[in-house]
Amino acid sequence: MGAMSDVLQGIQAEDGAAVAAADIPKAVTAGRLVYGDGATQIFASDGKTTYTERGGDSAGEWYVDDQGRFCSFWPPSYRACYALRWMVDGARIVGLRFTGLNDGVTFEGHYE
């Protein structure tokens, strides 16, 4: 496997387990995520993120807040925080499950 597994090596993840605050930066930057609707998202280690849907890109920012939650900001004013859980298949981390802390909506991103 490529770079993704290197970044996540040593993380003991179980399917559905919460991503520890200290592991969130590694988890989101480990690889491009592909969502169920075909949209993709890349999280860069500098806190920038690009969401691509039907050929259009949206640029935003991501961060871990002081309560250890994963949050994203989309200019001019959309801010949301999520509970982040691992998706594990066998012994492999295959993606991340995001659940909105305000709306409870869950979406799954698989590492490409």
PDB file of N, CA and C in Angstrom:
ATOM      1  N   MET A   1       0.828  -1.202   0.000  1.00  0.00           N
ATOM      2  CA  MET A   1       0.000   0.000   0.000  1.00  0.00           C
ATOM      3  C   MET A   1       0.862   1.253   0.000  1.00  0.00           C
ATOM      4  N   GLY A   2       0.241   2.358  -0.342  1.00  0.00           N
ATOM      5  CA  GLY A   2       1.011   3.579  -0.508  1.00  0.00           C
ATOM      6  C   GLY A   2       1.094   4.410   0.753  1.00  0.00           C
ATOM      7  N   ALA A   3       1.150   5.705   0.555  1.00  0.00           N
ATOM      8  CA  ALA A   3       1.440   6.630   1.645  1.00  0.00           C
ATOM      9  C   ALA A   3       0.366   6.605   2.730  1.00  0.00           C
ATOM     10  N   MET A   4      -0.872   6.317   2.329  1.00  0.00           N
ATOM     11  CA  MET A   4      -1.942   6.375   3.310  1.00  0.00           C
ATOM     12  C   MET A   4      -1.662   5.484   4.506  1.00  0.00           C
ATOM     13  N   SER A   5      -1.279   4.233   4.245  1.00  0.00           N
ATOM     14  CA  SER A   5      -1.080   3.299   5.341  1.00  0.00           C
ATOM     15  C   SER A   5       0.091   3.732   6.216  1.00  0.00           C
ATOM     16  N   ASP A   6       1.067   4.420   5.639  1.00  0.00           N
ATOM     17  CA  ASP A   6       2.206   4.881   6.426  1.00  0.00           C
ATOM     18  C   ASP A   6       1.752   5.911   7.453  1.00  0.00           C
ATOM     19  N   VAL A   7       0.911   6.833   7.029  1.00  0.00           N
ATOM     20  CA  VAL A   7       0.431   7.886   7.912  1.00  0.00           C
ATOM     21  C   VAL A   7      -0.355   7.280   9.074  1.00  0.00           C
ATOM     22  N   LEU A   8      -1.141   6.246   8.784  1.00  0.00           N
ATOM     23  CA  LEU A   8      -2.038   5.689   9.792  1.00  0.00           C
ATOM     24  C   LEU A   8      -1.439   4.496  10.526  1.00  0.00           C
ATOM     25  N   GLN A   9      -0.202   4.166  10.200  1.00  0.00           N
ATOM     26  CA  GLN A   9       0.433   3.031  10.852  1.00  0.00           C
ATOM     27  C   GLN A   9       0.503   3.260  12.353  1.00  0.00           C
ATOM     28  N   GLY A  10       0.247   2.218  13.119  1.00  0.00           N
ATOM     29  CA  GLY A  10       0.347   2.337  14.560  1.00  0.00           C
ATOM     30  C   GLY A  10      -0.920   2.819  15.229  1.00  0.00           C
ATOM     31  N   ILE A  11      -1.896   3.270  14.438  1.00  0.00           N
ATOM     32  CA  ILE A  11      -3.176   3.667  15.028  1.00  0.00           C
ATOM     33  C   ILE A  11      -4.033   2.416  15.175  1.00  0.00           C
ATOM     34  N   GLN A  12      -4.449   2.151  16.399  1.00  0.00           N
ATOM     35  CA  GLN A  12      -5.326   1.003  16.653  1.00  0.00           C
ATOM     36  C   GLN A  12      -6.756   1.478  16.479  1.00  0.00           C
ATOM     37  N   ALA A  13      -7.346   1.135  15.367  1.00  0.00           N
ATOM     38  CA  ALA A  13      -8.690   1.621  15.084  1.00  0.00           C
ATOM     39  C   ALA A  13      -9.653   0.450  14.995  1.00  0.00           C
ATOM     40  N   GLU A  14     -10.830   0.637  15.560  1.00  0.00           N
ATOM     41  CA  GLU A  14     -11.899  -0.337  15.398  1.00  0.00           C
ATOM     42  C   GLU A  14     -13.017   0.344  14.648  1.00  0.00           C
ATOM     43  N   ASP A  15     -13.760  -0.446  13.875  1.00  0.00           N
ATOM     44  CA  ASP A  15     -14.851   0.126  13.096  1.00  0.00           C
ATOM     45  C   ASP A  15     -15.840   0.818  14.025  1.00  0.00           C
ATOM     46  N   GLY A  16     -16.152   2.071  13.729  1.00  0.00           N
ATOM     47  CA  GLY A  16     -17.119   2.819  14.518  1.00  0.00           C
ATOM     48  C   GLY A  16     -16.541   3.502  15.736  1.00  0.00           C
ATOM     49  N   ALA A  17     -15.245   3.275  16.014  1.00  0.00           N
ATOM     50  CA  ALA A  17     -14.626   3.917  17.174  1.00  0.00           C
ATOM     51  C   ALA A  17     -14.345   5.382  16.870  1.00  0.00           C
ATOM     52  N   ALA A  18     -14.475   6.212  17.884  1.00  0.00           N
ATOM     53  CA  ALA A  18     -14.193   7.637  17.715  1.00  0.00           C
ATOM     54  C   ALA A  18     -12.717   7.842  17.399  1.00  0.00           C
ATOM     55  N   VAL A  19     -12.433   8.774  16.510  1.00  0.00           N
ATOM     56  CA  VAL A  19     -11.051   9.143  16.210  1.00  0.00           C
ATOM     57  C   VAL A  19     -10.567  10.050  17.343  1.00  0.00           C
ATOM     58  N   ALA A  20      -9.480   9.672  17.993  1.00  0.00           N
ATOM     59  CA  ALA A  20      -8.923  10.492  19.075  1.00  0.00           C
ATOM     60  C   ALA A  20      -8.507  11.850  18.533  1.00  0.00           C
ATOM     61  N   ALA A  21      -8.670  12.885  19.349  1.00  0.00           N
ATOM     62  CA  ALA A  21      -8.347  14.248  18.908  1.00  0.00           C
ATOM     63  C   ALA A  21      -6.934  14.327  18.336  1.00  0.00           C
ATOM     64  N   ALA A  22      -5.991  13.637  18.970  1.00  0.00           N
ATOM     65  CA  ALA A  22      -4.596  13.705  18.520  1.00  0.00           C
ATOM     66  C   ALA A  22      -4.408  13.046  17.153  1.00  0.00           C
ATOM     67  N   ASP A  23      -5.323  12.140  16.788  1.00  0.00           N
ATOM     68  CA  ASP A  23      -5.208  11.424  15.510  1.00  0.00           C
ATOM     69  C   ASP A  23      -6.007  12.075  14.383  1.00  0.00           C
ATOM     70  N   ILE A  24      -6.825  13.084  14.702  1.00  0.00           N
ATOM     71  CA  ILE A  24      -7.677  13.698  13.670  1.00  0.00           C
ATOM     72  C   ILE A  24      -6.855  14.258  12.512  1.00  0.00           C
ATOM     73  N   PRO A  25      -5.775  15.026  12.780  1.00  0.00           N
ATOM     74  CA  PRO A  25      -5.011  15.549  11.632  1.00  0.00           C
ATOM     75  C   PRO A  25      -4.475  14.445  10.728  1.00  0.00           C
ATOM     76  N   LYS A  26      -3.987  13.344  11.327  1.00  0.00           N
ATOM     77  CA  LYS A  26      -3.494  12.228  10.521  1.00  0.00           C
ATOM     78  C   LYS A  26      -4.635  11.603   9.733  1.00  0.00           C
ATOM     79  N   ALA A  27      -5.774  11.432  10.407  1.00  0.00           N
ATOM     80  CA  ALA A  27      -6.910  10.743   9.785  1.00  0.00           C
ATOM     81  C   ALA A  27      -7.409  11.481   8.552  1.00  0.00           C
ATOM     82  N   VAL A  28      -7.580  12.806   8.672  1.00  0.00           N
ATOM     83  CA  VAL A  28      -8.171  13.530   7.545  1.00  0.00           C
ATOM     84  C   VAL A  28      -7.180  13.805   6.426  1.00  0.00           C
ATOM     85  N   THR A  29      -5.878  13.846   6.743  1.00  0.00           N
ATOM     86  CA  THR A  29      -4.902  14.148   5.689  1.00  0.00           C
ATOM     87  C   THR A  29      -4.305  12.889   5.069  1.00  0.00           C
ATOM     88  N   ALA A  30      -4.759  11.708   5.508  1.00  0.00           N
ATOM     89  CA  ALA A  30      -4.133  10.453   5.073  1.00  0.00           C
ATOM     90  C   ALA A  30      -4.361  10.157   3.590  1.00  0.00           C
ATOM     91  N   GLY A  31      -5.414  10.706   3.005  1.00  0.00           N
ATOM     92  CA  GLY A  31      -5.670  10.438   1.591  1.00  0.00           C
ATOM     93  C   GLY A  31      -6.928  11.144   1.149  1.00  0.00           C
ATOM     94  N   ARG A  32      -7.137  11.174  -0.146  1.00  0.00           N
ATOM     95  CA  ARG A  32      -8.353  11.781  -0.673  1.00  0.00           C
ATOM     96  C   ARG A  32      -9.541  10.918  -0.275  1.00  0.00           C
ATOM     97  N   LEU A  33     -10.612  11.562   0.152  1.00  0.00           N
ATOM     98  CA  LEU A  33     -11.829  10.852   0.542  1.00  0.00           C
ATOM     99  C   LEU A  33     -12.848  10.929  -0.584  1.00  0.00           C
ATOM    100  N   VAL A  34     -13.513   9.805  -0.812  1.00  0.00           N
ATOM    101  CA  VAL A  34     -14.573   9.745  -1.818  1.00  0.00           C
ATOM    102  C   VAL A  34     -15.871   9.447  -1.084  1.00  0.00           C
ATOM    103  N   TYR A  35     -16.891  10.266  -1.319  1.00  0.00           N
ATOM    104  CA  TYR A  35     -18.179  10.109  -0.650  1.00  0.00           C
ATOM    105  C   TYR A  35     -19.147   9.302  -1.507  1.00  0.00           C
ATOM    106  N   GLY A  36     -20.225   8.895  -0.882  1.00  0.00           N
ATOM    107  CA  GLY A  36     -21.196   8.038  -1.558  1.00  0.00           C
ATOM    108  C   GLY A  36     -21.772   8.636  -2.830  1.00  0.00           C
ATOM    109  N   ASP A  37     -21.859   9.963  -2.890  1.00  0.00           N
ATOM    110  CA  ASP A  37     -22.445  10.610  -4.073  1.00  0.00           C
ATOM    111  C   ASP A  37     -21.400  10.891  -5.145  1.00  0.00           C
ATOM    112  N   GLY A  38     -20.163  10.425  -4.904  1.00  0.00           N
ATOM    113  CA  GLY A  38     -19.117  10.622  -5.902  1.00  0.00           C
ATOM    114  C   GLY A  38     -18.281  11.868  -5.692  1.00  0.00           C
ATOM    115  N   ALA A  39     -18.696  12.734  -4.764  1.00  0.00           N
ATOM    116  CA  ALA A  39     -17.891  13.916  -4.452  1.00  0.00           C
ATOM    117  C   ALA A  39     -16.598  13.463  -3.770  1.00  0.00           C
ATOM    118  N   THR A  40     -15.551  14.276  -3.893  1.00  0.00           N
ATOM    119  CA  THR A  40     -14.284  13.952  -3.244  1.00  0.00           C
ATOM    120  C   THR A  40     -13.839  15.140  -2.405  1.00  0.00           C
ATOM    121  N   GLN A  41     -12.978  14.854  -1.436  1.00  0.00           N
ATOM    122  CA  GLN A  41     -12.461  15.923  -0.597  1.00  0.00           C
ATOM    123  C   GLN A  41     -11.024  15.622  -0.204  1.00  0.00           C
ATOM    124  N   ILE A  42     -10.200  16.655  -0.264  1.00  0.00           N
ATOM    125  CA  ILE A  42      -8.812  16.557   0.152  1.00  0.00           C
ATOM    126  C   ILE A  42      -8.607  17.520   1.312  1.00  0.00           C
ATOM    127  N   PHE A  43      -8.000  17.012   2.384  1.00  0.00           N
ATOM    128  CA  PHE A  43      -7.635  17.850   3.525  1.00  0.00           C
ATOM    129  C   PHE A  43      -6.120  17.980   3.526  1.00  0.00           C
ATOM    130  N   ALA A  44      -5.628  19.212   3.456  1.00  0.00           N
ATOM    131  CA  ALA A  44      -4.182  19.435   3.466  1.00  0.00           C
ATOM    132  C   ALA A  44      -3.717  19.674   4.901  1.00  0.00           C
ATOM    133  N   SER A  45      -2.452  19.367   5.153  1.00  0.00           N
ATOM    134  CA  SER A  45      -1.941  19.494   6.517  1.00  0.00           C
ATOM    135  C   SER A  45      -1.877  20.947   6.977  1.00  0.00           C
ATOM    136  N   ASP A  46      -1.983  21.904   6.045  1.00  0.00           N
ATOM    137  CA  ASP A  46      -1.949  23.323   6.434  1.00  0.00           C
ATOM    138  C   ASP A  46      -3.320  23.853   6.841  1.00  0.00           C
ATOM    139  N   GLY A  47      -4.339  22.970   6.913  1.00  0.00           N
ATOM    140  CA  GLY A  47      -5.654  23.413   7.353  1.00  0.00           C
ATOM    141  C   GLY A  47      -6.592  23.815   6.226  1.00  0.00           C
ATOM    142  N   LYS A  48      -6.161  23.644   4.989  1.00  0.00           N
ATOM    143  CA  LYS A  48      -7.041  23.941   3.849  1.00  0.00           C
ATOM    144  C   LYS A  48      -7.730  22.650   3.401  1.00  0.00           C
ATOM    145  N   THR A  49      -8.906  22.796   2.834  1.00  0.00           N
ATOM    146  CA  THR A  49      -9.590  21.637   2.279  1.00  0.00           C
ATOM    147  C   THR A  49     -10.268  22.020   0.972  1.00  0.00           C
ATOM    148  N   THR A  50     -10.325  21.052   0.054  1.00  0.00           N
ATOM    149  CA  THR A  50     -10.999  21.263  -1.223  1.00  0.00           C
ATOM    150  C   THR A  50     -12.018  20.162  -1.418  1.00  0.00           C
ATOM    151  N   TYR A  51     -13.269  20.566  -1.620  1.00  0.00           N
ATOM    152  CA  TYR A  51     -14.375  19.640  -1.849  1.00  0.00           C
ATOM    153  C   TYR A  51     -14.744  19.760  -3.320  1.00  0.00           C
ATOM    154  N   THR A  52     -14.756  18.622  -4.020  1.00  0.00           N
ATOM    155  CA  THR A  52     -15.012  18.635  -5.463  1.00  0.00           C
ATOM    156  C   THR A  52     -16.275  17.843  -5.756  1.00  0.00           C
ATOM    157  N   GLU A  53     -17.196  18.508  -6.441  1.00  0.00           N
ATOM    158  CA  GLU A  53     -18.487  17.907  -6.711  1.00  0.00           C
ATOM    159  C   GLU A  53     -18.901  18.277  -8.125  1.00  0.00           C
ATOM    160  N   ARG A  54     -19.196  17.277  -8.938  1.00  0.00           N
ATOM    161  CA  ARG A  54     -19.618  17.507 -10.323  1.00  0.00           C
ATOM    162  C   ARG A  54     -18.699  18.493 -11.032  1.00  0.00           C
ATOM    163  N   GLY A  55     -17.393  18.347 -10.806  1.00  0.00           N
ATOM    164  CA  GLY A  55     -16.439  19.173 -11.533  1.00  0.00           C
ATOM    165  C   GLY A  55     -16.178  20.530 -10.920  1.00  0.00           C
ATOM    166  N   GLY A  56     -16.967  20.927  -9.901  1.00  0.00           N
ATOM    167  CA  GLY A  56     -16.736  22.224  -9.270  1.00  0.00           C
ATOM    168  C   GLY A  56     -16.022  22.059  -7.946  1.00  0.00           C
ATOM    169  N   ASP A  57     -15.098  22.975  -7.665  1.00  0.00           N
ATOM    170  CA  ASP A  57     -14.341  22.920  -6.409  1.00  0.00           C
ATOM    171  C   ASP A  57     -14.846  23.973  -5.433  1.00  0.00           C
ATOM    172  N   SER A  58     -14.920  23.601  -4.154  1.00  0.00           N
ATOM    173  CA  SER A  58     -15.161  24.565  -3.078  1.00  0.00           C
ATOM    174  C   SER A  58     -13.952  24.521  -2.161  1.00  0.00           C
ATOM    175  N   ALA A  59     -13.452  25.691  -1.803  1.00  0.00           N
ATOM    176  CA  ALA A  59     -12.300  25.767  -0.914  1.00  0.00           C
ATOM    177  C   ALA A  59     -12.759  26.149   0.477  1.00  0.00           C
ATOM    178  N   GLY A  60     -12.288  25.405   1.466  1.00  0.00           N
ATOM    179  CA  GLY A  60     -12.628  25.702   2.845  1.00  0.00           C
ATOM    180  C   GLY A  60     -11.436  25.497   3.741  1.00  0.00           C
ATOM    181  N   GLU A  61     -11.707  25.460   5.042  1.00  0.00           N
ATOM    182  CA  GLU A  61     -10.658  25.249   6.020  1.00  0.00           C
ATOM    183  C   GLU A  61     -11.146  24.199   7.016  1.00  0.00           C
ATOM    184  N   TRP A  62     -10.201  23.508   7.623  1.00  0.00           N
ATOM    185  CA  TRP A  62     -10.563  22.557   8.677  1.00  0.00           C
ATOM    186  C   TRP A  62      -9.648  22.767   9.866  1.00  0.00           C
ATOM    187  N   TYR A  63     -10.131  22.377  11.044  1.00  0.00           N
ATOM    188  CA  TYR A  63      -9.332  22.533  12.264  1.00  0.00           C
ATOM    189  C   TYR A  63      -9.902  21.633  13.342  1.00  0.00           C
ATOM    190  N   VAL A  64      -9.117  21.418  14.383  1.00  0.00           N
ATOM    191  CA  VAL A  64      -9.571  20.712  15.569  1.00  0.00           C
ATOM    192  C   VAL A  64      -9.795  21.778  16.630  1.00  0.00           C
ATOM    193  N   ASP A  65     -11.024  21.865  17.165  1.00  0.00           N
ATOM    194  CA  ASP A  65     -11.310  22.940  18.114  1.00  0.00           C
ATOM    195  C   ASP A  65     -10.765  22.606  19.504  1.00  0.00           C
ATOM    196  N   ASP A  66     -10.954  23.526  20.448  1.00  0.00           N
ATOM    197  CA  ASP A  66     -10.339  23.344  21.767  1.00  0.00           C
ATOM    198  C   ASP A  66     -11.007  22.238  22.585  1.00  0.00           C
ATOM    199  N   GLN A  67     -12.106  21.688  22.062  1.00  0.00           N
ATOM    200  CA  GLN A  67     -12.730  20.534  22.711  1.00  0.00           C
ATOM    201  C   GLN A  67     -12.362  19.227  22.006  1.00  0.00           C
ATOM    202  N   GLY A  68     -11.405  19.316  21.059  1.00  0.00           N
ATOM    203  CA  GLY A  68     -10.934  18.120  20.373  1.00  0.00           C
ATOM    204  C   GLY A  68     -11.879  17.624  19.306  1.00  0.00           C
ATOM    205  N   ARG A  69     -12.715  18.524  18.790  1.00  0.00           N
ATOM    206  CA  ARG A  69     -13.658  18.134  17.741  1.00  0.00           C
ATOM    207  C   ARG A  69     -13.148  18.584  16.380  1.00  0.00           C
ATOM    208  N   PHE A  70     -13.498  17.815  15.350  1.00  0.00           N
ATOM    209  CA  PHE A  70     -13.153  18.185  13.981  1.00  0.00           C
ATOM    210  C   PHE A  70     -14.188  19.176  13.473  1.00  0.00           C
ATOM    211  N   CYS A  71     -13.733  20.301  12.958  1.00  0.00           N
ATOM    212  CA  CYS A  71     -14.645  21.323  12.450  1.00  0.00           C
ATOM    213  C   CYS A  71     -14.179  21.797  11.077  1.00  0.00           C
ATOM    214  N   SER A  72     -15.128  22.299  10.305  1.00  0.00           N
ATOM    215  CA  SER A  72     -14.755  22.885   9.024  1.00  0.00           C
ATOM    216  C   SER A  72     -15.466  24.214   8.844  1.00  0.00           C
ATOM    217  N   PHE A  73     -14.844  25.046   8.045  1.00  0.00           N
ATOM    218  CA  PHE A  73     -15.342  26.395   7.792  1.00  0.00           C
ATOM    219  C   PHE A  73     -15.351  26.630   6.288  1.00  0.00           C
ATOM    220  N   TRP A  74     -16.494  27.048   5.790  1.00  0.00           N
ATOM    221  CA  TRP A  74     -16.632  27.353   4.365  1.00  0.00           C
ATOM    222  C   TRP A  74     -17.031  28.810   4.248  1.00  0.00           C
ATOM    223  N   PRO A  75     -16.144  29.629   3.727  1.00  0.00           N
ATOM    224  CA  PRO A  75     -16.450  31.061   3.605  1.00  0.00           C
ATOM    225  C   PRO A  75     -17.719  31.267   2.777  1.00  0.00           C
ATOM    226  N   PRO A  76     -18.491  32.297   3.079  1.00  0.00           N
ATOM    227  CA  PRO A  76     -18.164  33.339   4.054  1.00  0.00           C
ATOM    228  C   PRO A  76     -18.519  32.974   5.505  1.00  0.00           C
ATOM    229  N   SER A  77     -19.479  32.084   5.755  1.00  0.00           N
ATOM    230  CA  SER A  77     -19.947  31.981   7.137  1.00  0.00           C
ATOM    231  C   SER A  77     -20.351  30.590   7.599  1.00  0.00           C
ATOM    232  N   TYR A  78     -20.198  29.559   6.771  1.00  0.00           N
ATOM    233  CA  TYR A  78     -20.675  28.241   7.189  1.00  0.00           C
ATOM    234  C   TYR A  78     -19.616  27.519   8.014  1.00  0.00           C
ATOM    235  N   ARG A  79     -19.964  27.193   9.249  1.00  0.00           N
ATOM    236  CA  ARG A  79     -19.046  26.495  10.137  1.00  0.00           C
ATOM    237  C   ARG A  79     -19.788  25.302  10.723  1.00  0.00           C
ATOM    238  N   ALA A  80     -19.145  24.150  10.761  1.00  0.00           N
ATOM    239  CA  ALA A  80     -19.793  22.965  11.313  1.00  0.00           C
ATOM    240  C   ALA A  80     -18.749  22.079  11.977  1.00  0.00           C
ATOM    241  N   CYS A  81     -19.170  21.396  13.039  1.00  0.00           N
ATOM    242  CA  CYS A  81     -18.283  20.453  13.707  1.00  0.00           C
ATOM    243  C   CYS A  81     -18.889  19.057  13.621  1.00  0.00           C
ATOM    244  N   TYR A  82     -18.029  18.066  13.636  1.00  0.00           N
ATOM    245  CA  TYR A  82     -18.450  16.693  13.391  1.00  0.00           C
ATOM    246  C   TYR A  82     -17.828  15.730  14.393  1.00  0.00           C
ATOM    247  N   ALA A  83     -18.583  14.693  14.720  1.00  0.00           N
ATOM    248  CA  ALA A  83     -18.005  13.538  15.397  1.00  0.00           C
ATOM    249  C   ALA A  83     -17.358  12.697  14.305  1.00  0.00           C
ATOM    250  N   LEU A  84     -16.125  12.286  14.531  1.00  0.00           N
ATOM    251  CA  LEU A  84     -15.362  11.553  13.515  1.00  0.00           C
ATOM    252  C   LEU A  84     -15.154  10.126  13.997  1.00  0.00           C
ATOM    253  N   ARG A  85     -15.534   9.153  13.168  1.00  0.00           N
ATOM    254  CA  ARG A  85     -15.344   7.747  13.531  1.00  0.00           C
ATOM    255  C   ARG A  85     -14.612   7.023  12.415  1.00  0.00           C
ATOM    256  N   TRP A  86     -13.832   6.026  12.823  1.00  0.00           N
ATOM    257  CA  TRP A  86     -13.095   5.216  11.855  1.00  0.00           C
ATOM    258  C   TRP A  86     -14.032   4.266  11.126  1.00  0.00           C
ATOM    259  N   MET A  87     -13.722   4.002   9.866  1.00  0.00           N
ATOM    260  CA  MET A  87     -14.339   2.905   9.120  1.00  0.00           C
ATOM    261  C   MET A  87     -13.227   1.894   8.872  1.00  0.00           C
ATOM    262  N   VAL A  88     -13.406   0.688   9.419  1.00  0.00           N
ATOM    263  CA  VAL A  88     -12.371  -0.337   9.345  1.00  0.00           C
ATOM    264  C   VAL A  88     -12.966  -1.582   8.703  1.00  0.00           C
ATOM    265  N   ASP A  89     -12.228  -2.150   7.754  1.00  0.00           N
ATOM    266  CA  ASP A  89     -12.643  -3.381   7.084  1.00  0.00           C
ATOM    267  C   ASP A  89     -11.544  -4.406   7.315  1.00  0.00           C
ATOM    268  N   GLY A  90     -11.855  -5.430   8.094  1.00  0.00           N
ATOM    269  CA  GLY A  90     -10.802  -6.375   8.475  1.00  0.00           C
ATOM    270  C   GLY A  90      -9.841  -5.651   9.388  1.00  0.00           C
ATOM    271  N   ALA A  91      -8.587  -5.596   9.010  1.00  0.00           N
ATOM    272  CA  ALA A  91      -7.603  -4.882   9.832  1.00  0.00           C
ATOM    273  C   ALA A  91      -7.229  -3.544   9.208  1.00  0.00           C
ATOM    274  N   ARG A  92      -7.880  -3.187   8.107  1.00  0.00           N
ATOM    275  CA  ARG A  92      -7.493  -1.976   7.376  1.00  0.00           C
ATOM    276  C   ARG A  92      -8.435  -0.819   7.654  1.00  0.00           C
ATOM    277  N   ILE A  93      -7.861   0.336   7.901  1.00  0.00           N
ATOM    278  CA  ILE A  93      -8.663   1.558   7.989  1.00  0.00           C
ATOM    279  C   ILE A  93      -9.028   1.949   6.563  1.00  0.00           C
ATOM    280  N   VAL A  94     -10.319   2.008   6.265  1.00  0.00           N
ATOM    281  CA  VAL A  94     -10.741   2.270   4.888  1.00  0.00           C
ATOM    282  C   VAL A  94     -11.376   3.649   4.710  1.00  0.00           C
ATOM    283  N   GLY A  95     -11.684   4.322   5.822  1.00  0.00           N
ATOM    284  CA  GLY A  95     -12.291   5.627   5.648  1.00  0.00           C
ATOM    285  C   GLY A  95     -12.720   6.240   6.964  1.00  0.00           C
ATOM    286  N   LEU A  96     -13.493   7.310   6.842  1.00  0.00           N
ATOM    287  CA  LEU A  96     -13.951   8.076   7.990  1.00  0.00           C
ATOM    288  C   LEU A  96     -15.444   8.332   7.880  1.00  0.00           C
ATOM    289  N   ARG A  97     -16.105   8.288   9.028  1.00  0.00           N
ATOM    290  CA  ARG A  97     -17.535   8.582   9.097  1.00  0.00           C
ATOM    291  C   ARG A  97     -17.682   9.905   9.849  1.00  0.00           C
ATOM    292  N   PHE A  98     -18.318  10.864   9.231  1.00  0.00           N
ATOM    293  CA  PHE A  98     -18.525  12.192   9.818  1.00  0.00           C
ATOM    294  C   PHE A  98     -19.990  12.311  10.233  1.00  0.00           C
ATOM    295  N   THR A  99     -20.248  12.693  11.476  1.00  0.00           N
ATOM    296  CA  THR A  99     -21.633  12.937  11.906  1.00  0.00           C
ATOM    297  C   THR A  99     -21.728  14.362  12.415  1.00  0.00           C
ATOM    298  N   GLY A 100     -22.590  15.140  11.797  1.00  0.00           N
ATOM    299  CA  GLY A 100     -22.747  16.548  12.173  1.00  0.00           C
ATOM    300  C   GLY A 100     -23.258  16.679  13.599  1.00  0.00           C
ATOM    301  N   LEU A 101     -22.579  17.492  14.407  1.00  0.00           N
ATOM    302  CA  LEU A 101     -22.972  17.634  15.804  1.00  0.00           C
ATOM    303  C   LEU A 101     -24.235  18.483  15.938  1.00  0.00           C
ATOM    304  N   ASN A 102     -24.568  19.260  14.913  1.00  0.00           N
ATOM    305  CA  ASN A 102     -25.792  20.057  14.972  1.00  0.00           C
ATOM    306  C   ASN A 102     -26.978  19.316  14.383  1.00  0.00           C
ATOM    307  N   ASP A 103     -26.770  18.656  13.241  1.00  0.00           N
ATOM    308  CA  ASP A 103     -27.908  18.077  12.517  1.00  0.00           C
ATOM    309  C   ASP A 103     -27.960  16.558  12.578  1.00  0.00           C
ATOM    310  N   GLY A 104     -26.903  15.914  13.091  1.00  0.00           N
ATOM    311  CA  GLY A 104     -26.922  14.453  13.187  1.00  0.00           C
ATOM    312  C   GLY A 104     -26.766  13.737  11.855  1.00  0.00           C
ATOM    313  N   VAL A 105     -26.584  14.496  10.775  1.00  0.00           N
ATOM    314  CA  VAL A 105     -26.432  13.881   9.463  1.00  0.00           C
ATOM    315  C   VAL A 105     -25.055  13.228   9.367  1.00  0.00           C
ATOM    316  N   THR A 106     -25.037  11.983   8.889  1.00  0.00           N
ATOM    317  CA  THR A 106     -23.796  11.224   8.777  1.00  0.00           C
ATOM    318  C   THR A 106     -23.441  11.024   7.313  1.00  0.00           C
ATOM    319  N   PHE A 107     -22.180  11.211   6.981  1.00  0.00           N
ATOM    320  CA  PHE A 107     -21.702  10.845   5.654  1.00  0.00           C
ATOM    321  C   PHE A 107     -20.377  10.135   5.779  1.00  0.00           C
ATOM    322  N   GLU A 108     -20.127   9.243   4.830  1.00  0.00           N
ATOM    323  CA  GLU A 108     -18.967   8.378   4.891  1.00  0.00           C
ATOM    324  C   GLU A 108     -18.020   8.708   3.754  1.00  0.00           C
ATOM    325  N   GLY A 109     -16.741   8.817   4.103  1.00  0.00           N
ATOM    326  CA  GLY A 109     -15.712   9.050   3.098  1.00  0.00           C
ATOM    327  C   GLY A 109     -14.751   7.870   3.095  1.00  0.00           C
ATOM    328  N   HIS A 110     -14.569   7.273   1.927  1.00  0.00           N
ATOM    329  CA  HIS A 110     -13.622   6.156   1.782  1.00  0.00           C
ATOM    330  C   HIS A 110     -12.323   6.694   1.222  1.00  0.00           C
ATOM    331  N   TYR A 111     -11.200   6.248   1.803  1.00  0.00           N
ATOM    332  CA  TYR A 111      -9.913   6.630   1.228  1.00  0.00           C
ATOM    333  C   TYR A 111      -9.816   6.079  -0.174  1.00  0.00           C
ATOM    334  N   GLU A 112      -9.332   6.908  -1.081  1.00  0.00           N
ATOM    335  CA  GLU A 112      -9.225   6.506  -2.477  1.00  0.00           C
ATOM    336  C   GLU A 112      -8.069   5.546  -2.646  1.00  0.00           C
TER     337      GLU A 112
END
